[in-house]
Amino acid sequence: MDDCVRIIFAGDFIPPENADNLFSKELLTVLKDKDFSIVNLETSLTEGSNVIEKKEKHFKIDPKSNKHIKNGFFDAVALANNHICDFG
C-alpha cells in the first residue's frame, strides 16, 4: 500500500500567451502523477489596460492563457502575490 501523499507547489508562474505546448512530456508526467498541486499565478489575468502605478514592473496576460493552468493539471491557483492588482 502506498501511504505517501504527493503534493506539488509551483511558483511565480506567468504563462506565455502565444505558446501551445508549454510543458514537456516529462514534466506533464510529474504533474499528472500527484495527489494535489497548486501553482502561484504571478500576474494579473485581465484584458484591462489601466495600470496601477506602484512599481516598475507590471505583469498581465490575457484570460485565455488560463489554458496553461488547465493543461498543467493544477488543482488550485494561488493569487496572493504582488502583481495580482497591477491593472486594477
Protein backbone atom coordinates (compact mmCIF):
# COMPACT_ATOMS: atom_id res chain seq x y z
CA MET A 1 0.00 0.00 0.00
CA ASP A 2 1.30 3.44 -0.94
CA ASP A 3 0.88 5.73 2.06
CA CYS A 4 2.63 8.73 0.52
CA VAL A 5 0.83 11.89 -0.45
CA ARG A 6 2.27 13.64 -3.50
CA ILE A 7 1.86 17.41 -3.37
CA ILE A 8 3.33 19.84 -5.91
CA PHE A 9 3.85 23.53 -5.22
CA ALA A 10 4.81 25.65 -8.24
CA GLY A 11 5.55 29.32 -8.02
CA ASP A 12 5.93 32.53 -9.98
CA PHE A 13 4.04 31.17 -12.98
CA ILE A 14 3.48 33.64 -15.82
CA PRO A 15 2.38 31.58 -18.81
CA PRO A 16 3.18 32.94 -22.26
CA GLU A 17 0.18 33.99 -24.29
CA ASN A 18 1.38 32.55 -27.59
CA ALA A 19 2.61 29.07 -26.65
CA ASP A 20 0.65 25.90 -27.36
CA ASN A 21 2.77 23.18 -25.77
CA LEU A 22 4.16 24.82 -22.67
CA PHE A 23 5.02 21.65 -20.72
CA SER A 24 7.39 18.91 -21.79
CA LYS A 25 6.18 15.31 -21.78
CA GLU A 26 8.44 14.58 -18.82
CA LEU A 27 7.03 17.47 -16.78
CA LEU A 28 3.45 16.52 -17.66
CA THR A 29 4.13 13.03 -16.33
CA VAL A 30 5.15 14.55 -12.98
CA LEU A 31 2.23 16.98 -12.94
CA LYS A 32 -0.28 14.19 -13.60
CA ASP A 33 1.15 11.75 -11.05
CA LYS A 34 0.27 13.61 -7.86
CA ASP A 35 -2.48 13.87 -5.31
CA PHE A 36 -2.71 17.65 -5.27
CA SER A 37 -0.94 20.55 -6.95
CA ILE A 38 -1.07 24.31 -6.57
CA VAL A 39 0.55 26.99 -8.69
CA ASN A 40 1.08 30.66 -7.85
CA LEU A 41 -0.08 32.83 -10.75
CA GLU A 42 2.39 35.73 -10.55
CA THR A 43 0.45 38.03 -12.85
CA SER A 44 -2.89 39.69 -13.49
CA LEU A 45 -5.27 37.71 -15.66
CA THR A 46 -7.04 40.58 -17.42
CA GLU A 47 -7.85 42.39 -20.64
CA GLY A 48 -7.64 45.69 -18.72
CA SER A 49 -5.14 48.38 -19.56
CA ASN A 50 -5.40 50.72 -16.56
CA VAL A 51 -2.01 50.21 -14.97
CA ILE A 52 -1.74 50.84 -11.25
CA GLU A 53 1.36 53.00 -10.79
CA LYS A 54 3.03 51.43 -7.79
CA LYS A 55 6.26 49.93 -9.05
CA GLU A 56 8.46 49.47 -12.10
CA LYS A 57 7.22 46.13 -13.43
CA HIS A 58 3.62 45.35 -14.29
CA PHE A 59 2.53 41.90 -15.43
CA LYS A 60 -0.63 40.79 -17.17
CA ILE A 61 -1.77 38.05 -19.50
CA ASP A 62 -4.95 37.53 -21.46
CA PRO A 63 -7.57 35.45 -19.64
CA LYS A 64 -7.38 32.90 -22.47
CA SER A 65 -3.94 31.97 -21.16
CA ASN A 66 -5.61 30.14 -18.29
CA LYS A 67 -5.48 27.10 -20.61
CA HIS A 68 -1.90 26.60 -19.39
CA ILE A 69 -3.15 26.14 -15.84
CA LYS A 70 -5.62 23.52 -17.02
CA ASN A 71 -3.05 21.88 -19.30
CA GLY A 72 -0.65 21.65 -16.35
CA PHE A 73 -3.19 19.64 -14.33
CA PHE A 74 -3.04 22.10 -11.42
CA ASP A 75 -5.77 21.61 -8.84
CA ALA A 76 -5.59 25.10 -7.32
CA VAL A 77 -4.23 28.52 -8.15
CA ALA A 78 -2.84 30.97 -5.59
CA LEU A 79 -3.48 34.62 -6.40
CA ALA A 80 -1.90 36.19 -3.31
CA ASN A 81 1.12 37.90 -4.82
CA ASN A 82 2.45 41.37 -5.53
CA HIS A 83 1.28 41.52 -9.18
CA ILE A 84 -2.34 40.43 -8.96
CA CYS A 85 -3.61 44.03 -8.89
CA ASP A 86 -1.15 45.53 -11.38
CA PHE A 87 -4.02 46.55 -13.66
CA GLY A 88 -6.78 47.16 -11.11
